[in-house]
Protein backbone atom coordinates (compact mmCIF):
# COMPACT_ATOMS: atom_id res chain seq x y z
CA UNK A 1 -0.14 -0.16 0.03
CA UNK A 2 1.21 3.44 -0.89
CA UNK A 3 2.05 5.66 2.13
CA UNK A 4 -1.28 7.22 3.41
CA UNK A 5 0.17 11.13 3.97
CA UNK A 6 0.05 13.33 1.21
CA UNK A 7 0.15 17.12 1.35
CA UNK A 8 -3.03 18.42 1.73
CA UNK A 9 -3.11 21.12 -1.12
CA UNK A 10 -1.53 18.69 -3.57
CA UNK A 11 -3.89 15.93 -2.82
CA UNK A 12 -6.72 18.03 -3.45
CA UNK A 13 -5.59 19.74 -6.46
CA UNK A 14 -4.24 16.73 -8.17
CA UNK A 15 -7.47 15.15 -7.81
CA UNK A 16 -9.30 18.18 -8.60
CA UNK A 17 -7.53 18.62 -12.14
CA UNK A 18 -7.90 15.34 -13.18
CA UNK A 19 -11.67 15.36 -13.40
CA UNK A 20 -13.37 16.04 -16.46
CA UNK A 21 -14.22 19.48 -17.02
CA UNK A 22 -17.31 20.49 -14.50
CA UNK A 23 -20.35 22.98 -16.19
CA UNK A 24 -21.32 25.61 -13.90
CA UNK A 25 -25.01 26.51 -12.98
CA UNK A 26 -25.97 22.71 -12.72
CA UNK A 27 -24.95 22.25 -16.53
CA UNK A 28 -24.48 18.72 -17.85
CA UNK A 29 -20.99 17.73 -17.37
CA UNK A 30 -18.93 17.39 -20.81
CA UNK A 31 -18.09 13.73 -20.30
CA UNK A 32 -20.94 12.14 -22.22
CA UNK A 33 -20.43 8.50 -20.85
CA UNK A 34 -21.90 8.42 -17.22
CA UNK A 35 -22.46 4.79 -16.03
CA UNK A 36 -25.04 4.20 -13.45
CA UNK A 37 -24.27 3.63 -10.03
CA UNK A 38 -24.10 -0.10 -9.46
CA UNK A 39 -26.36 -0.68 -6.70
CA UNK A 40 -25.08 -2.10 -3.16
CA UNK A 41 -26.75 -3.71 -0.22
CA UNK A 42 -25.56 -0.86 1.94
CA UNK A 43 -24.53 2.91 1.22
CA UNK A 44 -20.83 3.43 1.31
CA UNK A 45 -21.41 6.65 2.93
CA UNK A 46 -24.01 6.44 5.64
CA UNK A 47 -23.18 9.44 7.61
CA UNK A 48 -21.97 11.88 4.88
CA UNK A 49 -25.06 13.06 2.72
CA UNK A 50 -24.09 16.47 0.88
CA UNK A 51 -27.60 16.42 -0.93
CA UNK A 52 -28.31 16.70 -4.51
CA UNK A 53 -26.54 16.07 -7.95
CA UNK A 54 -25.29 19.64 -7.87
CA UNK A 55 -22.66 18.09 -5.21
CA UNK A 56 -21.07 16.17 -7.76
CA UNK A 57 -20.93 18.52 -10.22
CA UNK A 58 -18.86 21.23 -8.47
CA UNK A 59 -15.57 21.34 -7.76
CA UNK A 60 -15.56 23.39 -4.84
CA UNK A 61 -17.51 20.81 -3.27
CA UNK A 62 -14.97 18.26 -4.66
CA UNK A 63 -11.86 20.18 -2.91
CA UNK A 64 -13.61 20.49 0.26
CA UNK A 65 -14.76 16.91 0.61
CA UNK A 66 -11.08 16.09 -0.40
CA UNK A 67 -9.61 18.47 2.31
CA UNK A 68 -11.96 17.38 4.90
CA UNK A 69 -10.91 13.49 4.32
CA UNK A 70 -7.12 14.47 4.29
CA UNK A 71 -7.79 16.57 7.24
CA UNK A 72 -9.36 13.84 9.14
CA UNK A 73 -6.64 11.35 8.21
CA UNK A 74 -4.10 13.69 9.33
CA UNK A 75 -6.06 14.06 12.81
CA UNK A 76 -6.24 10.40 12.96
CA UNK A 77 -9.80 10.09 12.36
CA UNK A 78 -9.50 7.36 9.75
CA UNK A 79 -13.05 6.23 9.82
CA UNK A 80 -14.37 9.79 8.87
CA UNK A 81 -11.71 9.95 6.05
CA UNK A 82 -12.88 6.69 4.93
CA UNK A 83 -16.46 7.68 4.57
CA UNK A 84 -15.82 10.87 2.88
CA UNK A 85 -13.68 9.51 0.66
CA UNK A 86 -16.04 6.73 -0.60
CA UNK A 87 -19.36 8.88 -0.76
CA UNK A 88 -16.86 11.25 -2.91
CA UNK A 89 -16.13 8.03 -5.39
CA UNK A 90 -19.13 6.92 -5.75
CA UNK A 91 -20.41 10.75 -6.56
CA UNK A 92 -17.46 11.04 -9.17
CA UNK A 93 -16.63 7.77 -10.15
CA UNK A 94 -13.19 8.97 -10.92
CA UNK A 95 -10.34 6.64 -10.92
CA UNK A 96 -7.81 8.86 -9.32
CA UNK A 97 -10.42 9.65 -6.41
CA UNK A 98 -11.58 5.44 -6.51
CA UNK A 99 -7.72 4.68 -6.27
CA UNK A 100 -7.13 6.92 -3.08
CA UNK A 101 -10.39 5.79 -1.68
CA UNK A 102 -9.20 1.91 -1.54
CA UNK A 103 -6.09 3.34 0.11
CA UNK A 104 -7.46 5.23 2.91
CA UNK A 105 -10.26 2.59 3.59
CA UNK A 106 -7.88 -0.17 3.85
CA UNK A 107 -5.40 1.82 5.84
CA UNK A 108 -8.17 2.23 8.09
CA UNK A 109 -9.01 -1.62 7.79
CA UNK A 110 -12.39 -0.52 6.54
CA UNK A 111 -12.24 -3.49 3.85
CA UNK A 112 -16.13 -3.05 3.16
CA UNK A 113 -15.58 0.44 1.77
CA UNK A 114 -12.07 -0.48 0.22
CA UNK A 115 -13.58 -3.59 -1.48
CA UNK A 116 -16.71 -1.52 -3.16
CA UNK A 117 -14.58 0.79 -4.28
CA UNK A 118 -12.29 -1.27 -5.77
CA UNK A 119 -15.22 -3.02 -7.54
CA UNK A 120 -16.34 0.50 -8.69
CA UNK A 121 -12.89 1.33 -10.17
CA UNK A 122 -12.97 -1.90 -12.27
CA UNK A 123 -16.44 -1.24 -13.48
CA UNK A 124 -15.39 2.25 -14.55
CA UNK A 125 -12.05 0.94 -15.83
CA UNK A 126 -12.04 -2.66 -16.91
CA UNK A 127 -8.59 -2.72 -18.20
CA UNK A 128 -6.95 -1.54 -15.37
CA UNK A 129 -4.31 -3.56 -13.95
CA UNK A 130 -3.84 -1.19 -10.71
CA UNK A 131 -7.51 -1.83 -10.05
CA UNK A 132 -7.02 -5.43 -10.22
CA UNK A 133 -4.49 -5.60 -8.01
CA UNK A 134 -5.77 -3.35 -5.44
CA UNK A 135 -9.11 -5.16 -5.44
CA UNK A 136 -6.84 -8.74 -5.13
CA UNK A 137 -4.88 -6.72 -2.22
CA UNK A 138 -7.77 -6.00 0.03
CA UNK A 139 -9.30 -9.28 -0.25
CA UNK A 140 -6.05 -10.71 0.71
CA UNK A 141 -5.94 -8.26 3.66
CA UNK A 142 -9.70 -8.87 4.58
CA UNK A 143 -8.87 -12.71 4.46
CA UNK A 144 -11.78 -13.69 1.54
CA UNK A 145 -9.97 -16.20 0.12
CA UNK A 146 -13.26 -17.92 -1.09
CA UNK A 147 -14.09 -15.10 -3.57
CA UNK A 148 -10.51 -14.28 -4.54
CA UNK A 149 -10.17 -17.15 -7.37
CA UNK A 150 -11.78 -14.79 -10.24
CA UNK A 151 -10.29 -11.66 -9.57
CA UNK A 152 -6.82 -13.41 -9.50
CA UNK A 153 -7.40 -15.27 -12.66
CA UNK A 154 -8.31 -11.78 -14.23
CA UNK A 155 -5.38 -9.94 -13.02
CA UNK A 156 -3.38 -13.00 -14.50
CA UNK A 157 -5.10 -12.84 -17.53
CA UNK A 158 -4.79 -8.76 -18.14
CA UNK A 159 -1.33 -8.89 -17.85
CA UNK A 160 -0.26 -11.59 -20.31
CA UNK A 161 3.40 -10.45 -20.64
CA UNK A 162 4.36 -10.87 -16.73
CA UNK A 163 2.11 -14.40 -16.44
CA UNK A 164 5.25 -15.93 -15.71
CA UNK A 165 6.57 -13.66 -13.08
CA UNK A 166 2.97 -12.95 -11.43
CA UNK A 167 2.30 -16.84 -11.02
CA UNK A 168 5.58 -17.17 -9.43
CA UNK A 169 4.59 -14.52 -6.89
CA UNK A 170 1.24 -16.31 -5.93
CA UNK A 171 2.72 -17.78 -3.12
CA UNK A 172 4.37 -14.53 -1.95
CA UNK A 173 0.74 -12.56 -1.90
CA UNK A 174 -0.27 -15.20 0.95
CA UNK A 175 2.91 -15.96 2.90
CA UNK A 176 1.63 -14.41 6.20
CA UNK A 177 -1.34 -16.57 5.64
CA UNK A 178 -1.64 -19.29 8.48
CA UNK A 179 -4.16 -21.42 6.58
CA UNK A 180 -1.96 -23.08 4.39
CA UNK A 181 -4.76 -25.70 2.81
CA UNK A 182 -7.02 -22.79 1.96
CA UNK A 183 -4.10 -21.14 0.46
CA UNK A 184 -3.39 -24.27 -1.79
CA UNK A 185 -7.09 -24.55 -2.60
CA UNK A 186 -7.14 -21.05 -3.90
CA UNK A 187 -3.90 -21.63 -5.82
CA UNK A 188 -4.77 -24.68 -7.48
CA UNK A 189 -7.84 -23.06 -8.72
CA UNK A 190 -6.48 -19.64 -9.94
CA UNK A 191 -3.95 -21.70 -11.96
CA UNK A 192 -5.77 -24.40 -13.45
CA UNK A 193 -6.48 -21.78 -16.93
CA UNK A 194 -2.74 -21.63 -17.16
CA UNK A 195 -1.51 -25.62 -16.56
CA UNK A 196 0.33 -25.16 -20.04
CA UNK A 197 2.57 -22.72 -18.60
CA UNK A 198 5.68 -24.33 -16.12
CA UNK A 199 5.14 -22.04 -13.67
CA UNK A 200 1.68 -22.60 -12.86
CA UNK A 201 2.70 -25.80 -11.95
CA UNK A 202 5.63 -24.65 -10.01
CA UNK A 203 3.00 -22.30 -7.60
CA UNK A 204 1.10 -25.26 -7.17
CA UNK A 205 3.96 -27.56 -6.25
CA UNK A 206 4.97 -24.83 -3.58
CA UNK A 207 1.57 -24.16 -2.20
CA UNK A 208 1.18 -28.05 -1.66
CA UNK A 209 4.30 -28.74 -0.32
CA UNK A 210 3.74 -25.67 2.28
CA UNK A 211 0.41 -27.47 3.00
CA UNK A 212 2.03 -30.91 3.75
CA UNK A 213 0.61 -32.51 0.28
CA UNK A 214 4.08 -34.23 -0.73
CA UNK A 215 2.78 -36.17 -3.39
CA UNK A 216 0.89 -33.33 -5.02
CA UNK A 217 3.97 -31.12 -4.97
CA UNK A 218 6.31 -33.84 -6.45
CA UNK A 219 3.72 -34.37 -9.06
CA UNK A 220 3.52 -30.65 -9.87
CA UNK A 221 7.29 -30.01 -9.73
CA UNK A 222 7.79 -32.65 -12.45
CA UNK A 223 5.15 -31.94 -14.82
CA UNK A 224 6.80 -28.20 -14.57
CA UNK A 225 10.13 -29.50 -15.65
CA UNK A 226 8.55 -31.32 -18.08
CA UNK A 227 7.38 -28.25 -19.88
CA UNK A 228 11.28 -26.56 -18.85
CA UNK A 229 13.47 -29.39 -18.36
CA UNK A 230 16.71 -27.05 -17.43
CA UNK A 231 14.63 -24.81 -14.95
CA UNK A 232 16.95 -24.78 -12.03
CA UNK A 233 14.41 -23.50 -9.56
CA UNK A 234 11.88 -26.00 -9.98
CA UNK A 235 15.33 -28.87 -9.90
CA UNK A 236 15.72 -27.08 -6.16
CA UNK A 237 12.14 -27.47 -5.33
CA UNK A 238 12.09 -31.15 -6.61
CA UNK A 239 15.47 -31.63 -4.93
CA UNK A 240 13.95 -30.41 -1.29
CA UNK A 241 10.89 -32.47 -1.72
CA UNK A 242 12.48 -35.53 -2.35
CA UNK A 243 15.05 -35.13 0.38
CA UNK A 244 12.15 -35.15 2.99
CA UNK A 245 11.75 -38.80 2.35
CA UNK A 246 14.85 -40.24 0.73
CA UNK A 247 17.79 -38.12 0.72
CA UNK A 248 19.55 -40.62 -1.34
CA UNK A 249 16.88 -40.24 -4.30
CA UNK A 250 17.66 -36.43 -3.71
CA UNK A 251 21.09 -36.66 -4.29
CA UNK A 252 20.72 -39.23 -7.52
CA UNK A 253 17.93 -36.47 -9.04
CA UNK A 254 20.70 -33.60 -8.64
CA UNK A 255 23.51 -35.55 -9.64
CA UNK A 256 21.33 -36.30 -12.74
CA UNK A 257 20.34 -32.69 -13.30
CA UNK A 258 24.02 -31.31 -13.27
CA UNK A 259 25.32 -33.79 -15.58
CA UNK A 260 22.41 -32.62 -17.91
CA UNK A 261 23.16 -28.98 -16.93
CA UNK A 262 26.90 -28.52 -15.90
CA UNK A 263 26.49 -24.82 -15.85
CA UNK A 264 23.73 -24.72 -13.11
CA UNK A 265 24.86 -23.08 -9.98
CA UNK A 266 22.61 -23.45 -7.52
CA UNK A 267 21.80 -27.36 -8.05
CA UNK A 268 25.22 -27.98 -7.97
CA UNK A 269 25.93 -25.80 -4.78
CA UNK A 270 22.79 -27.58 -3.02
CA UNK A 271 23.88 -30.95 -4.10
CA UNK A 272 27.56 -30.46 -2.72
CA UNK A 273 25.84 -29.16 0.84
CA UNK A 274 23.92 -32.25 0.76
CA UNK A 275 26.88 -34.39 0.27
CA UNK A 276 28.30 -32.86 3.07
CA UNK A 277 25.35 -33.37 5.41
CA UNK A 278 25.78 -37.52 4.22
CA UNK A 279 29.43 -37.17 5.16
CA UNK A 280 30.49 -37.65 1.55
CA UNK A 281 33.36 -35.22 1.69
CA UNK A 282 35.13 -36.05 -1.07
CA UNK A 283 32.81 -35.83 -4.03
CA UNK A 284 31.51 -32.40 -1.91
CA UNK A 285 34.83 -31.59 -2.43
CA UNK A 286 34.85 -31.91 -6.14
CA UNK A 287 31.75 -29.99 -6.56
CA UNK A 288 32.90 -27.44 -4.77
CA UNK A 289 36.38 -27.64 -7.08
CA UNK A 290 34.11 -27.35 -10.22
CA UNK A 291 31.92 -24.37 -8.85
CA UNK A 292 35.06 -22.35 -7.55
CA UNK A 293 36.48 -23.09 -11.07
CA UNK A 294 33.36 -21.19 -12.63
CA UNK A 295 32.46 -18.59 -10.17
CA UNK A 296 35.72 -17.99 -7.93
CA UNK A 297 34.02 -14.74 -6.73
CA UNK A 298 30.94 -15.97 -5.64
CA UNK A 299 30.69 -15.45 -1.89
CA UNK A 300 28.08 -18.59 -1.74
CA UNK A 301 30.55 -20.39 -3.11
CA UNK A 302 33.50 -19.79 -1.49
CA UNK A 303 32.16 -19.87 1.94
CA UNK A 304 30.69 -23.41 2.37
CA UNK A 305 33.89 -24.31 0.36
CA UNK A 306 36.01 -22.80 3.18
CA UNK A 307 33.78 -24.50 5.75
CA UNK A 308 34.56 -28.07 3.92
CA UNK A 309 38.42 -27.65 4.03
CA UNK A 310 37.88 -26.98 7.91
CA UNK A 311 36.03 -30.06 8.39
CA UNK A 312 38.64 -31.61 6.36
CA UNK A 313 40.86 -30.10 9.06
CA UNK A 314 42.60 -28.35 5.78
CA UNK A 315 43.49 -25.10 7.37
CA UNK A 316 45.60 -23.78 4.87
CA UNK A 317 43.04 -24.52 1.95
CA UNK A 318 40.22 -22.95 4.35
CA UNK A 319 42.43 -19.92 5.43
CA UNK A 320 43.25 -19.09 1.70
CA UNK A 321 39.45 -19.42 0.89
CA UNK A 322 38.35 -17.26 3.71
CA UNK A 323 40.94 -14.63 3.08
CA UNK A 324 39.78 -14.23 -0.48
CA UNK A 325 36.13 -14.16 0.95
CA UNK A 326 37.03 -11.24 2.78
CA UNK A 327 38.03 -9.32 -0.54
CA UNK A 328 34.73 -9.76 -2.16
CA UNK A 329 32.19 -6.74 -1.64
CA UNK A 330 29.62 -8.84 0.36
CA UNK A 331 27.58 -6.91 3.16
CA UNK A 332 28.60 -9.24 6.21
CA UNK A 333 32.31 -10.30 6.59
CA UNK A 334 32.36 -11.03 10.51
CA UNK A 335 31.71 -14.91 10.17
CA UNK A 336 34.52 -15.02 7.55
CA UNK A 337 37.07 -13.14 10.19
CA UNK A 338 35.91 -15.12 13.05
CA UNK A 339 36.99 -18.10 11.40
CA UNK A 340 40.02 -16.63 10.07
CA UNK A 341 41.00 -15.79 13.77
CA UNK A 342 40.21 -19.28 14.74
CA UNK A 343 42.63 -20.72 12.12
CA UNK A 344 45.58 -18.29 13.19
CA UNK A 345 44.69 -19.12 16.89
CA UNK A 346 45.20 -22.82 16.35
CA UNK A 347 48.28 -22.38 14.61
CA UNK A 348 49.71 -19.83 17.49
CA UNK A 349 49.61 -16.71 15.31
CA UNK A 350 48.25 -14.56 18.07
CA UNK A 351 48.69 -11.14 16.87
CA UNK A 352 46.94 -11.99 13.57
CA UNK A 353 44.21 -13.86 15.38
CA UNK A 354 43.96 -10.54 17.10
CA UNK A 355 43.65 -8.80 14.14
CA UNK A 356 40.83 -11.15 12.87
CA UNK A 357 38.73 -11.02 15.70
CA UNK A 358 38.70 -7.21 15.94
CA UNK A 359 37.18 -7.08 12.31
CA UNK A 360 34.43 -9.19 13.72
CA UNK A 361 31.31 -6.55 13.75
CA UNK A 362 27.84 -6.75 15.68
CA UNK A 363 26.04 -10.07 15.63
CA UNK A 364 26.47 -13.77 16.28
CA UNK A 365 30.06 -13.77 16.68
CA UNK A 366 30.89 -10.41 18.17
CA UNK A 367 30.90 -11.47 21.74
CA UNK A 368 32.75 -14.89 21.03
CA UNK A 369 35.45 -12.88 19.17
CA UNK A 370 35.80 -10.76 22.31
CA UNK A 371 35.94 -13.42 24.50
CA UNK A 372 38.58 -15.00 22.60
CA UNK A 373 40.76 -11.79 21.86
CA UNK A 374 40.84 -11.22 25.52
CA UNK A 375 41.81 -14.96 26.33
CA UNK A 376 44.64 -14.73 23.59
CA UNK A 377 45.68 -11.52 25.68
CA UNK A 378 45.54 -12.86 29.04
CA UNK A 379 47.42 -15.89 27.88
CA UNK A 380 50.20 -13.36 27.00
CA UNK A 381 50.17 -11.76 30.41
CA UNK A 382 48.47 -8.77 29.30
CA UNK A 383 45.50 -9.35 32.07
CA UNK A 384 44.78 -5.76 32.22
CA UNK A 385 44.67 -4.99 28.23
CA UNK A 386 42.17 -8.14 28.33
CA UNK A 387 40.00 -6.95 31.03
CA UNK A 388 39.78 -3.34 29.58
CA UNK A 389 38.83 -4.88 26.19
CA UNK A 390 35.76 -6.78 27.76
CA UNK A 391 34.87 -3.92 29.68
CA UNK A 392 34.55 -1.70 26.55
CA UNK A 393 32.85 -4.43 24.63
CA UNK A 394 29.10 -3.63 23.03
CA UNK A 395 26.69 -5.72 24.87
CA UNK A 396 23.49 -5.70 23.23
CA UNK A 397 21.76 -7.16 25.86
CA UNK A 398 21.85 -7.51 29.89
CA UNK A 399 22.38 -11.10 29.41
CA UNK A 400 25.62 -10.41 27.32
CA UNK A 401 26.99 -8.01 29.80
CA UNK A 402 26.57 -10.52 32.65
CA UNK A 403 28.44 -12.91 29.95
CA UNK A 404 31.32 -10.49 29.35
CA UNK A 405 31.83 -10.23 33.21
CA UNK A 406 31.70 -14.01 33.92
CA UNK A 407 34.48 -14.09 30.89
CA UNK A 408 36.35 -11.42 32.79
CA UNK A 409 35.87 -13.18 36.24
CA UNK A 410 37.05 -16.36 34.48
CA UNK A 411 40.36 -14.87 33.35
CA UNK A 412 41.20 -13.50 37.24
CA UNK A 413 40.57 -16.98 38.50
CA UNK A 414 42.70 -18.40 35.75
CA UNK A 415 45.25 -15.67 37.01
CA UNK A 416 44.85 -17.29 40.77
CA UNK A 417 42.94 -13.97 41.63
CA UNK A 418 40.13 -15.77 42.99
CA UNK A 419 39.12 -13.15 45.51
CA UNK A 420 39.38 -10.58 43.05
CA UNK A 421 37.02 -12.63 40.63
CA UNK A 422 34.69 -13.39 43.47
CA UNK A 423 34.48 -9.62 44.28
CA UNK A 424 33.64 -8.65 40.70
CA UNK A 425 30.61 -11.01 40.30
CA UNK A 426 29.61 -10.53 44.01
CA UNK A 427 29.43 -6.70 43.23
CA UNK A 428 27.26 -7.48 40.04
CA UNK A 429 25.17 -9.69 41.93
CA UNK A 430 24.09 -7.29 44.24
CA UNK A 431 22.62 -5.33 41.56
CA UNK A 432 20.47 -8.35 40.35
CA UNK A 433 20.39 -11.05 43.21
CA UNK A 434 18.30 -13.65 40.93
CA UNK A 435 20.48 -13.68 38.17
CA UNK A 436 21.15 -17.29 37.66
CA UNK A 437 24.12 -17.35 35.82
CA UNK A 438 25.98 -14.88 38.63
CA UNK A 439 24.33 -17.07 41.38
CA UNK A 440 25.96 -20.20 39.73
CA UNK A 441 29.40 -18.41 39.07
CA UNK A 442 29.72 -16.94 42.49
CA UNK A 443 28.98 -20.35 44.26
CA UNK A 444 31.73 -22.07 42.46
CA UNK A 445 34.27 -19.34 43.28
CA UNK A 446 32.99 -19.48 46.79
CA UNK A 447 33.56 -23.01 47.13
CA UNK A 448 37.34 -22.12 46.01
CA UNK A 449 37.69 -19.44 48.64
CA UNK A 450 36.48 -22.08 51.11
CA UNK A 451 33.03 -20.07 51.82
CA UNK A 452 31.15 -23.33 51.59
CA UNK A 453 27.96 -21.68 53.11
CA UNK A 454 27.76 -19.33 50.47
CA UNK A 455 28.16 -21.99 47.72
CA UNK A 456 25.52 -24.01 49.49
CA UNK A 457 22.72 -21.06 49.86
CA UNK A 458 23.78 -19.67 46.22
CA UNK A 459 22.71 -23.29 44.72
CA UNK A 460 19.65 -23.84 46.81
CA UNK A 461 18.51 -20.63 45.31
CA UNK A 462 19.56 -21.09 41.93
CA UNK A 463 17.48 -24.44 42.27
CA UNK A 464 14.51 -22.49 43.68
CA UNK A 465 14.53 -19.93 41.11
CA UNK A 466 15.32 -22.56 38.01
CA UNK A 467 14.16 -26.33 39.11
CA UNK A 468 15.05 -27.72 35.57
CA UNK A 469 18.97 -26.35 36.15
CA UNK A 470 20.97 -29.82 35.96
CA UNK A 471 24.05 -27.68 36.36
CA UNK A 472 23.04 -26.32 39.73
CA UNK A 473 21.86 -29.89 40.80
CA UNK A 474 25.14 -31.04 39.89
CA UNK A 475 27.48 -28.79 41.25
CA UNK A 476 25.48 -28.76 44.47
CA UNK A 477 25.99 -32.83 44.87
CA UNK A 478 29.26 -32.70 43.40
CA UNK A 479 30.62 -30.45 46.30
CA UNK A 480 29.22 -32.85 49.08
CA UNK A 481 30.69 -35.80 47.00
CA UNK A 482 33.99 -34.14 47.00
CA UNK A 483 34.02 -33.24 51.09
CA UNK A 484 32.90 -36.77 51.10
CA UNK A 485 29.99 -35.21 52.98
CA UNK A 486 26.30 -36.23 52.96
CA UNK A 487 26.73 -38.90 50.29
CA UNK A 488 22.95 -40.20 49.98
CA UNK A 489 22.01 -36.47 49.38
CA UNK A 490 24.86 -36.07 47.02
CA UNK A 491 24.00 -39.05 44.72
CA UNK A 492 20.00 -37.90 44.86
CA UNK A 493 21.27 -34.63 43.53
CA UNK A 494 23.34 -35.59 41.13
CA UNK A 495 21.13 -38.45 39.84
CA UNK A 496 18.63 -36.11 39.35
CA UNK A 497 20.96 -33.40 37.35
CA UNK A 498 21.33 -36.54 35.01
CA UNK A 499 17.63 -37.10 34.30
CA UNK A 500 17.68 -33.94 32.99
CA UNK A 501 20.74 -33.91 31.22
CA UNK A 502 21.38 -37.62 30.54
CA UNK A 503 24.08 -37.16 27.95
CA UNK A 504 26.17 -34.58 29.64
CA UNK A 505 29.97 -35.79 30.67
CA UNK A 506 30.09 -33.53 33.27
CA UNK A 507 27.35 -34.84 35.12
CA UNK A 508 28.38 -38.60 34.51
CA UNK A 509 32.10 -37.78 36.11
CA UNK A 510 29.99 -36.63 39.17
CA UNK A 511 28.11 -39.63 39.57
CA UNK A 512 30.89 -41.75 38.89
CA UNK A 513 32.94 -39.65 41.87
CA UNK A 514 29.88 -40.04 44.06
CA UNK A 515 29.68 -43.81 43.40
CA UNK A 516 33.71 -43.92 44.07
CA UNK A 517 33.12 -42.20 47.28
CA UNK A 518 30.27 -44.75 48.59
CA UNK A 519 32.46 -47.88 47.27
CA UNK A 520 30.85 -48.91 44.48
CA UNK A 521 33.87 -49.68 42.27
CA UNK A 522 32.59 -51.21 39.38
CA UNK A 523 29.85 -48.64 39.04
CA UNK A 524 32.56 -45.91 39.43
CA UNK A 525 34.72 -47.15 36.98
CA UNK A 526 31.70 -47.84 34.48
CA UNK A 527 30.45 -44.50 34.65
CA UNK A 528 34.03 -42.58 34.88
CA UNK A 529 34.79 -44.45 31.61
CA UNK A 530 31.86 -43.39 29.96
CA UNK A 531 32.31 -40.10 31.16
CA UNK A 532 35.80 -39.76 29.46
CA UNK A 533 34.78 -41.26 26.22
CA UNK A 534 32.66 -38.46 25.70
CA UNK A 535 34.64 -35.82 26.58
CA UNK A 536 38.55 -36.11 26.95
CA UNK A 537 38.53 -33.69 30.15
CA UNK A 538 41.69 -33.13 32.58
CA UNK A 539 39.20 -33.80 35.77
CA UNK A 540 37.58 -36.54 34.32
CA UNK A 541 41.09 -38.15 33.61
CA UNK A 542 42.28 -37.47 37.22
CA UNK A 543 39.10 -39.07 38.58
CA UNK A 544 39.74 -42.29 36.23
CA UNK A 545 43.33 -42.59 37.00
CA UNK A 546 42.40 -42.69 40.79
CA UNK A 547 39.93 -45.10 40.48
CA UNK A 548 42.13 -47.27 38.27
CA UNK A 549 44.58 -46.90 40.57
CA UNK A 550 42.66 -47.72 43.66
CA UNK A 551 41.35 -50.94 41.30
CA UNK A 552 45.08 -52.28 41.03
CA UNK A 553 45.39 -50.84 37.52
CA UNK A 554 48.26 -48.92 38.28
CA UNK A 555 49.76 -49.07 34.61
CA UNK A 556 46.65 -48.28 32.90
CA UNK A 557 45.83 -45.32 35.27
CA UNK A 558 49.70 -43.64 35.05
CA UNK A 559 49.00 -44.03 30.80
CA UNK A 560 45.84 -41.96 31.24
CA UNK A 561 47.14 -39.42 33.29
CA UNK A 562 50.20 -38.95 31.60
CA UNK A 563 48.40 -38.50 28.21
CA UNK A 564 45.86 -36.01 29.74
CA UNK A 565 48.81 -34.05 30.91
CA UNK A 566 50.32 -33.67 27.54
CA UNK A 567 47.10 -32.23 26.59
CA UNK A 568 46.34 -30.36 29.52
CA UNK A 569 50.16 -29.47 31.03
CA UNK A 570 48.53 -26.66 33.50
CA UNK A 571 45.62 -28.33 34.93
CA UNK A 572 46.09 -28.20 38.81
CA UNK A 573 43.53 -31.53 39.26
CA UNK A 574 45.49 -33.37 36.79
CA UNK A 575 48.92 -32.71 38.14
CA UNK A 576 47.49 -33.54 41.85
CA UNK A 577 46.58 -36.90 40.66
CA UNK A 578 50.07 -37.42 38.87
CA UNK A 579 51.97 -36.77 42.26
CA UNK A 580 49.83 -39.14 44.01
CA UNK A 581 49.38 -41.88 41.87
CA UNK A 582 51.83 -41.69 38.87
CA UNK A 583 54.93 -40.10 40.41
């Protein structure tokens, strides 16, 4: 719909100038043909009754009523504006006034007046594409789908030159309508007169797919491809429909299509991505190589090709492709810079990693880039600089600000400044005492400081606030198990956590540890082995090593502990276990 506001004088003058020349003193107008006004069940303007026919024959009266309507509109009285324009439209039958009536009445959600004006406009000018379009728009807005088919068919027939494009646009017209079955029925009816056109079958296929009629959708898209064998958009839809039932059949279809149409970019790209999903990396890479040879400057090709190289652990190739990607004119390069930062970080090129992370703009990866940058700086001994970076980082939400504070506290904790870390988060918690993440993190820091009263009180408060928090149950249960206290309650808490998160390796570790404390050595070993298989974590390794040692499997215990130390040389729990069990 057009913008509803217009300059008052311009609106009035433009409409009056466009009217037929009117005679003075009640003489007949110059326009010879004056079609009779179509009868309606209710008058268009029940409130405005200017009187006799001279009202319609006076340009002054027209100006007056246009000004009345526009002033009412400016003052927010959309109902009066709609009524005034509807009355004027009925009296003048002028296309410009009829168009403005539809606009204003639609804006006011007076769809009855808008629809009546649109129908009158079509009576006055049956060939007007604009009139047909606006009537269809009003019927869509008022959700009159059952009566819409004839108007849509007329609109399609009037504009034969744009028939294919208009057929493709049918589904977009009803994208927000929740009744997908009704939309499917409507599009099925509207397209029947045009079933010799491939786009008609495609439109039905799309509507059927949206309504869950997969078999009908497949039949229609196949018919579209019979009419246009090289139509890539239809091939994509068929591939997507096939993949719902049989990914293998979808892959086979796409392979055949690209063999017949080797320049089909979109379908080959979809095929390559589908092969990644099926873990057929070699074939996917072959397709990406062909795509890059033909389209070396296309971001939609470069990006997934780079990610595939990362998945295959080919960092040099991934880096080269990502560096090429950021030279292109694309709206958002943040994700590419984020991955470049990760690659440089893994290769121990810290300065380069920091430079890449600095290029990550607002969005999903901004906060992770800030956190990784801070960790890099702290790892280089620049703790103050790292903290300053986190302090300056832009938090889009209060939750993000909390994440930045927690990250800063983690840096302090890793620098053995546990009290400073606790004070930082405790101060933040004072301003929002029911913040779950702050309760959890301060509880863990309190344990490190020996403040077991705070540990317990804050975790219990968190459980009260979030009874589905597996981490809270686990942390409290593990704290008891670690101190060899209240072991039955500890086990109960940990088992409750495991019910909430049955595949969590850290909760499995806690369960294994409490079983060990209770003397259930077979149960402890099985559980810890399961946890370590899920995650190669140093603390899980320390627990598993201790249990193996106690069971007399000392050689195996030493091997696990030493292997873990190679991966995590600075972990304190692992270092303590090595001193105790594998000196």
